[in-house]
PDB file of N, CA and C in Angstrom:
ATOM      1  N   UNK A   1       0.834  -1.184   0.000  1.00  0.00           N
ATOM      2  CA  UNK A   1       0.000   0.000   0.000  1.00  0.00           C
ATOM      3  C   UNK A   1       0.873   1.240   0.000  1.00  0.00           C
ATOM      4  N   UNK A   2       1.632   1.434   1.000  1.00  0.00           N
ATOM      5  CA  UNK A   2       2.459   2.614   1.156  1.00  0.00           C
ATOM      6  C   UNK A   2       2.554   2.959   2.617  1.00  0.00           C
ATOM      7  N   UNK A   3       3.417   3.920   2.929  1.00  0.00           N
ATOM      8  CA  UNK A   3       3.611   4.326   4.317  1.00  0.00           C
ATOM      9  C   UNK A   3       2.447   5.193   4.741  1.00  0.00           C
ATOM     10  N   UNK A   4       1.897   4.871   5.893  1.00  0.00           N
ATOM     11  CA  UNK A   4       0.748   5.600   6.401  1.00  0.00           C
ATOM     12  C   UNK A   4      -0.543   5.020   5.869  1.00  0.00           C
ATOM     13  N   UNK A   5      -1.649   5.400   6.468  1.00  0.00           N
ATOM     14  CA  UNK A   5      -2.942   4.849   6.055  1.00  0.00           C
ATOM     15  C   UNK A   5      -3.420   5.444   4.739  1.00  0.00           C
ATOM     16  N   UNK A   6      -3.101   4.762   3.638  1.00  0.00           N
ATOM     17  CA  UNK A   6      -3.424   5.277   2.299  1.00  0.00           C
ATOM     18  C   UNK A   6      -4.306   4.345   1.468  1.00  0.00           C
ATOM     19  N   UNK A   7      -4.429   3.081   1.861  1.00  0.00           N
ATOM     20  CA  UNK A   7      -5.186   2.104   1.086  1.00  0.00           C
ATOM     21  C   UNK A   7      -6.582   1.938   1.664  1.00  0.00           C
ATOM     22  N   UNK A   8      -7.628   2.220   0.900  1.00  0.00           N
ATOM     23  CA  UNK A   8      -8.991   2.036   1.401  1.00  0.00           C
ATOM     24  C   UNK A   8      -9.245   0.569   1.770  1.00  0.00           C
ATOM     25  N   UNK A   9      -9.897   0.344   2.888  1.00  0.00           N
ATOM     26  CA  UNK A   9     -10.162  -1.010   3.355  1.00  0.00           C
ATOM     27  C   UNK A   9     -10.916  -1.858   2.329  1.00  0.00           C
ATOM     28  N   UNK A  10     -11.928  -1.340   1.630  1.00  0.00           N
ATOM     29  CA  UNK A  10     -12.597  -2.181   0.629  1.00  0.00           C
ATOM     30  C   UNK A  10     -11.643  -2.690  -0.462  1.00  0.00           C
ATOM     31  N   UNK A  11     -10.689  -1.876  -0.852  1.00  0.00           N
ATOM     32  CA  UNK A  11      -9.714  -2.312  -1.852  1.00  0.00           C
ATOM     33  C   UNK A  11      -8.809  -3.396  -1.271  1.00  0.00           C
ATOM     34  N   UNK A  12      -8.405  -3.247  -0.014  1.00  0.00           N
ATOM     35  CA  UNK A  12      -7.605  -4.278   0.647  1.00  0.00           C
ATOM     36  C   UNK A  12      -8.370  -5.592   0.722  1.00  0.00           C
ATOM     37  N   UNK A  13      -9.657  -5.540   1.031  1.00  0.00           N
ATOM     38  CA  UNK A  13     -10.480  -6.751   1.095  1.00  0.00           C
ATOM     39  C   UNK A  13     -10.548  -7.436  -0.264  1.00  0.00           C
ATOM     40  N   UNK A  14     -10.709  -6.674  -1.320  1.00  0.00           N
ATOM     41  CA  UNK A  14     -10.751  -7.235  -2.669  1.00  0.00           C
ATOM     42  C   UNK A  14      -9.416  -7.880  -3.032  1.00  0.00           C
ATOM     43  N   UNK A  15      -8.328  -7.186  -2.747  1.00  0.00           N
ATOM     44  CA  UNK A  15      -7.004  -7.744  -3.036  1.00  0.00           C
ATOM     45  C   UNK A  15      -6.755  -9.002  -2.209  1.00  0.00           C
ATOM     46  N   UNK A  16      -7.144  -8.993  -0.958  1.00  0.00           N
ATOM     47  CA  UNK A  16      -6.974 -10.148  -0.092  1.00  0.00           C
ATOM     48  C   UNK A  16      -7.732 -11.355  -0.651  1.00  0.00           C
ATOM     49  N   UNK A  17      -8.947 -11.133  -1.085  1.00  0.00           N
ATOM     50  CA  UNK A  17      -9.752 -12.219  -1.667  1.00  0.00           C
ATOM     51  C   UNK A  17      -9.071 -12.796  -2.908  1.00  0.00           C
ATOM     52  N   UNK A  18      -8.569 -11.933  -3.775  1.00  0.00           N
ATOM     53  CA  UNK A  18      -7.929 -12.399  -5.008  1.00  0.00           C
ATOM     54  C   UNK A  18      -6.657 -13.193  -4.724  1.00  0.00           C
ATOM     55  N   UNK A  19      -6.051 -12.957  -3.549  1.00  0.00           N
ATOM     56  CA  UNK A  19      -4.846 -13.686  -3.155  1.00  0.00           C
ATOM     57  C   UNK A  19      -5.174 -14.832  -2.200  1.00  0.00           C
ATOM     58  N   UNK A  20      -6.440 -15.265  -2.194  1.00  0.00           N
ATOM     59  CA  UNK A  20      -6.924 -16.372  -1.370  1.00  0.00           C
ATOM     60  C   UNK A  20      -6.844 -16.101   0.129  1.00  0.00           C
ATOM     61  N   UNK A  21      -6.921 -14.843   0.503  1.00  0.00           N
ATOM     62  CA  UNK A  21      -6.985 -14.466   1.908  1.00  0.00           C
ATOM     63  C   UNK A  21      -8.411 -14.138   2.293  1.00  0.00           C
ATOM     64  N   UNK A  22      -8.581 -13.618   3.499  1.00  0.00           N
ATOM     65  CA  UNK A  22      -9.941 -13.262   3.918  1.00  0.00           C
ATOM     66  C   UNK A  22     -10.495 -12.132   3.054  1.00  0.00           C
ATOM     67  N   UNK A  23     -11.805 -12.171   2.824  1.00  0.00           N
ATOM     68  CA  UNK A  23     -12.425 -11.119   2.013  1.00  0.00           C
ATOM     69  C   UNK A  23     -13.394 -10.271   2.820  1.00  0.00           C
ATOM     70  N   UNK A  24     -13.935 -10.828   3.884  1.00  0.00           N
ATOM     71  CA  UNK A  24     -14.904 -10.082   4.687  1.00  0.00           C
ATOM     72  C   UNK A  24     -14.179  -9.046   5.541  1.00  0.00           C
ATOM     73  N   UNK A  25     -14.788  -7.888   5.659  1.00  0.00           N
ATOM     74  CA  UNK A  25     -14.187  -6.777   6.398  1.00  0.00           C
ATOM     75  C   UNK A  25     -13.814  -7.199   7.817  1.00  0.00           C
ATOM     76  N   UNK A  26     -14.683  -7.925   8.483  1.00  0.00           N
ATOM     77  CA  UNK A  26     -14.391  -8.317   9.869  1.00  0.00           C
ATOM     78  C   UNK A  26     -13.159  -9.207   9.949  1.00  0.00           C
ATOM     79  N   UNK A  27     -12.992 -10.116   9.020  1.00  0.00           N
ATOM     80  CA  UNK A  27     -11.820 -11.009   9.028  1.00  0.00           C
ATOM     81  C   UNK A  27     -10.549 -10.239   8.681  1.00  0.00           C
ATOM     82  N   UNK A  28     -10.630  -9.330   7.718  1.00  0.00           N
ATOM     83  CA  UNK A  28      -9.468  -8.516   7.361  1.00  0.00           C
ATOM     84  C   UNK A  28      -9.063  -7.653   8.556  1.00  0.00           C
ATOM     85  N   UNK A  29     -10.039  -7.090   9.246  1.00  0.00           N
ATOM     86  CA  UNK A  29      -9.721  -6.287  10.439  1.00  0.00           C
ATOM     87  C   UNK A  29      -9.076  -7.146  11.519  1.00  0.00           C
ATOM     88  N   UNK A  30      -9.497  -8.399  11.673  1.00  0.00           N
ATOM     89  CA  UNK A  30      -8.862  -9.302  12.639  1.00  0.00           C
ATOM     90  C   UNK A  30      -7.378  -9.478  12.313  1.00  0.00           C
ATOM     91  N   UNK A  31      -7.067  -9.638  11.040  1.00  0.00           N
ATOM     92  CA  UNK A  31      -5.672  -9.784  10.619  1.00  0.00           C
ATOM     93  C   UNK A  31      -4.902  -8.493  10.891  1.00  0.00           C
ATOM     94  N   UNK A  32      -5.521  -7.357  10.625  1.00  0.00           N
ATOM     95  CA  UNK A  32      -4.856  -6.072  10.867  1.00  0.00           C
ATOM     96  C   UNK A  32      -4.527  -5.891  12.343  1.00  0.00           C
ATOM     97  N   UNK A  33      -5.412  -6.347  13.209  1.00  0.00           N
ATOM     98  CA  UNK A  33      -5.134  -6.268  14.652  1.00  0.00           C
ATOM     99  C   UNK A  33      -3.903  -7.107  14.981  1.00  0.00           C
ATOM    100  N   UNK A  34      -3.805  -8.293  14.384  1.00  0.00           N
ATOM    101  CA  UNK A  34      -2.637  -9.147  14.613  1.00  0.00           C
ATOM    102  C   UNK A  34      -1.352  -8.507  14.101  1.00  0.00           C
ATOM    103  N   UNK A  35      -1.460  -7.636  13.107  1.00  0.00           N
ATOM    104  CA  UNK A  35      -0.286  -6.994  12.500  1.00  0.00           C
ATOM    105  C   UNK A  35       0.020  -5.614  13.086  1.00  0.00           C
ATOM    106  N   UNK A  36      -0.638  -5.260  14.202  1.00  0.00           N
ATOM    107  CA  UNK A  36      -0.380  -3.939  14.783  1.00  0.00           C
ATOM    108  C   UNK A  36       1.117  -3.778  15.042  1.00  0.00           C
ATOM    109  N   UNK A  37       1.593  -2.594  14.812  1.00  0.00           N
ATOM    110  CA  UNK A  37       3.013  -2.318  14.893  1.00  0.00           C
ATOM    111  C   UNK A  37       3.677  -2.365  13.531  1.00  0.00           C
ATOM    112  N   UNK A  38       3.103  -3.149  12.624  1.00  0.00           N
ATOM    113  CA  UNK A  38       3.626  -3.241  11.253  1.00  0.00           C
ATOM    114  C   UNK A  38       2.755  -2.436  10.308  1.00  0.00           C
ATOM    115  N   UNK A  39       1.446  -2.424  10.583  1.00  0.00           N
ATOM    116  CA  UNK A  39       0.519  -1.642   9.770  1.00  0.00           C
ATOM    117  C   UNK A  39      -0.083  -0.524  10.616  1.00  0.00           C
ATOM    118  N   UNK A  40      -0.514   0.509   9.944  1.00  0.00           N
ATOM    119  CA  UNK A  40      -1.224   1.607  10.597  1.00  0.00           C
ATOM    120  C   UNK A  40      -2.600   1.714   9.963  1.00  0.00           C
ATOM    121  N   UNK A  41      -3.540   2.151  10.781  1.00  0.00           N
ATOM    122  CA  UNK A  41      -4.926   2.264  10.323  1.00  0.00           C
ATOM    123  C   UNK A  41      -5.428   3.672  10.562  1.00  0.00           C
ATOM    124  N   UNK A  42      -6.085   4.211   9.563  1.00  0.00           N
ATOM    125  CA  UNK A  42      -6.738   5.502   9.701  1.00  0.00           C
ATOM    126  C   UNK A  42      -8.235   5.285   9.788  1.00  0.00           C
ATOM    127  N   UNK A  43      -8.899   5.956  10.706  1.00  0.00           N
ATOM    128  CA  UNK A  43     -10.344   5.827  10.930  1.00  0.00           C
ATOM    129  C   UNK A  43     -10.755   4.373  11.122  1.00  0.00           C
ATOM    130  N   UNK A  44     -10.036   3.623  11.999  1.00  0.00           N
ATOM    131  CA  UNK A  44     -10.342   2.205  12.165  1.00  0.00           C
ATOM    132  C   UNK A  44     -11.774   1.967  12.633  1.00  0.00           C
ATOM    133  N   UNK A  45     -12.360   0.923  12.094  1.00  0.00           N
ATOM    134  CA  UNK A  45     -13.708   0.552  12.479  1.00  0.00           C
ATOM    135  C   UNK A  45     -14.810   1.334  11.795  1.00  0.00           C
ATOM    136  N   UNK A  46     -14.442   2.222  10.883  1.00  0.00           N
ATOM    137  CA  UNK A  46     -15.432   3.026  10.176  1.00  0.00           C
ATOM    138  C   UNK A  46     -15.447   2.646   8.693  1.00  0.00           C
ATOM    139  N   UNK A  47     -16.489   3.045   7.974  1.00  0.00           N
ATOM    140  CA  UNK A  47     -16.513   2.776   6.531  1.00  0.00           C
ATOM    141  C   UNK A  47     -15.383   3.472   5.763  1.00  0.00           C
ATOM    142  N   UNK A  48     -14.805   4.511   6.351  1.00  0.00           N
ATOM    143  CA  UNK A  48     -13.728   5.255   5.684  1.00  0.00           C
ATOM    144  C   UNK A  48     -12.338   4.754   6.078  1.00  0.00           C
ATOM    145  N   UNK A  49     -12.258   3.594   6.710  1.00  0.00           N
ATOM    146  CA  UNK A  49     -10.962   3.074   7.179  1.00  0.00           C
ATOM    147  C   UNK A  49      -9.971   2.924   6.035  1.00  0.00           C
ATOM    148  N   UNK A  50      -8.724   3.290   6.327  1.00  0.00           N
ATOM    149  CA  UNK A  50      -7.620   3.126   5.390  1.00  0.00           C
ATOM    150  C   UNK A  50      -6.463   2.448   6.114  1.00  0.00           C
ATOM    151  N   UNK A  51      -5.619   1.769   5.348  1.00  0.00           N
ATOM    152  CA  UNK A  51      -4.547   0.953   5.919  1.00  0.00           C
ATOM    153  C   UNK A  51      -3.254   1.209   5.164  1.00  0.00           C
ATOM    154  N   UNK A  52      -2.138   1.058   5.851  1.00  0.00           N
ATOM    155  CA  UNK A  52      -0.829   1.143   5.213  1.00  0.00           C
ATOM    156  C   UNK A  52       0.226   0.577   6.127  1.00  0.00           C
ATOM    157  N   UNK A  53       1.445   0.545   5.656  1.00  0.00           N
ATOM    158  CA  UNK A  53       2.542   0.057   6.496  1.00  0.00           C
ATOM    159  C   UNK A  53       3.038   1.179   7.395  1.00  0.00           C
ATOM    160  N   UNK A  54       3.661   0.779   8.494  1.00  0.00           N
ATOM    161  CA  UNK A  54       4.037   1.751   9.519  1.00  0.00           C
ATOM    162  C   UNK A  54       5.333   2.500   9.226  1.00  0.00           C
ATOM    163  N   UNK A  55       6.188   1.947   8.382  1.00  0.00           N
ATOM    164  CA  UNK A  55       7.490   2.573   8.151  1.00  0.00           C
ATOM    165  C   UNK A  55       7.999   2.215   6.761  1.00  0.00           C
ATOM    166  N   UNK A  56       8.785   3.075   6.190  1.00  0.00           N
ATOM    167  CA  UNK A  56       9.318   2.870   4.838  1.00  0.00           C
ATOM    168  C   UNK A  56      10.105   1.574   4.723  1.00  0.00           C
ATOM    169  N   UNK A  57      10.839   1.185   5.770  1.00  0.00           N
ATOM    170  CA  UNK A  57      11.622  -0.049   5.684  1.00  0.00           C
ATOM    171  C   UNK A  57      10.727  -1.280   5.548  1.00  0.00           C
ATOM    172  N   UNK A  58       9.533  -1.240   6.132  1.00  0.00           N
ATOM    173  CA  UNK A  58       8.585  -2.349   5.967  1.00  0.00           C
ATOM    174  C   UNK A  58       8.148  -2.417   4.511  1.00  0.00           C
ATOM    175  N   UNK A  59       7.836  -1.280   3.922  1.00  0.00           N
ATOM    176  CA  UNK A  59       7.434  -1.246   2.513  1.00  0.00           C
ATOM    177  C   UNK A  59       8.556  -1.764   1.621  1.00  0.00           C
ATOM    178  N   UNK A  60       9.782  -1.353   1.889  1.00  0.00           N
ATOM    179  CA  UNK A  60      10.913  -1.796   1.079  1.00  0.00           C
ATOM    180  C   UNK A  60      11.113  -3.306   1.189  1.00  0.00           C
ATOM    181  N   UNK A  61      10.970  -3.853   2.390  1.00  0.00           N
ATOM    182  CA  UNK A  61      11.106  -5.291   2.576  1.00  0.00           C
ATOM    183  C   UNK A  61      10.015  -6.054   1.827  1.00  0.00           C
ATOM    184  N   UNK A  62       8.788  -5.562   1.893  1.00  0.00           N
ATOM    185  CA  UNK A  62       7.699  -6.244   1.204  1.00  0.00           C
ATOM    186  C   UNK A  62       7.891  -6.235  -0.309  1.00  0.00           C
ATOM    187  N   UNK A  63       8.494  -5.171  -0.815  1.00  0.00           N
ATOM    188  CA  UNK A  63       8.755  -5.087  -2.256  1.00  0.00           C
ATOM    189  C   UNK A  63       9.922  -5.963  -2.691  1.00  0.00           C
ATOM    190  N   UNK A  64      10.919  -6.139  -1.801  1.00  0.00           N
ATOM    191  CA  UNK A  64      12.103  -6.942  -2.160  1.00  0.00           C
ATOM    192  C   UNK A  64      12.723  -7.548  -0.898  1.00  0.00           C
ATOM    193  N   UNK A  65      12.192  -8.683  -0.437  1.00  0.00           N
ATOM    194  CA  UNK A  65      12.714  -9.302   0.800  1.00  0.00           C
ATOM    195  C   UNK A  65      14.134  -9.799   0.688  1.00  0.00           C
ATOM    196  N   UNK A  66      14.688  -9.912  -0.516  1.00  0.00           N
ATOM    197  CA  UNK A  66      16.075 -10.374  -0.641  1.00  0.00           C
ATOM    198  C   UNK A  66      17.069  -9.311  -0.202  1.00  0.00           C
ATOM    199  N   UNK A  67      16.625  -8.091  -0.069  1.00  0.00           N
ATOM    200  CA  UNK A  67      17.502  -6.989   0.343  1.00  0.00           C
ATOM    201  C   UNK A  67      17.643  -6.881   1.856  1.00  0.00           C
ATOM    202  N   UNK A  68      16.992  -7.749   2.611  1.00  0.00           N
ATOM    203  CA  UNK A  68      17.022  -7.682   4.085  1.00  0.00           C
ATOM    204  C   UNK A  68      18.359  -8.109   4.628  1.00  0.00           C
TER     205      UNK A  68
END
C-alpha cells in the first residue's frame, strides 16, 4: 500500500480475496489487529478506514525481501 494509512479497506479486502486471503471486512480487520506495529490504520472501524505500512523499511522489505 504505502507508508501511512493510504489504502482504502474495501480495496484491501478485494485484493486479499484475489490472493486467497480473507475477504470479509471483519476477518481482514482481525488480521490487521494481529499486525499492529507493522501496519497503521486511519479511521479504524469506520466505513472510511484506510490501511498502510508503519514505516518505509517495511514497505521496502515487502517489495524486495532479498535486500534484508
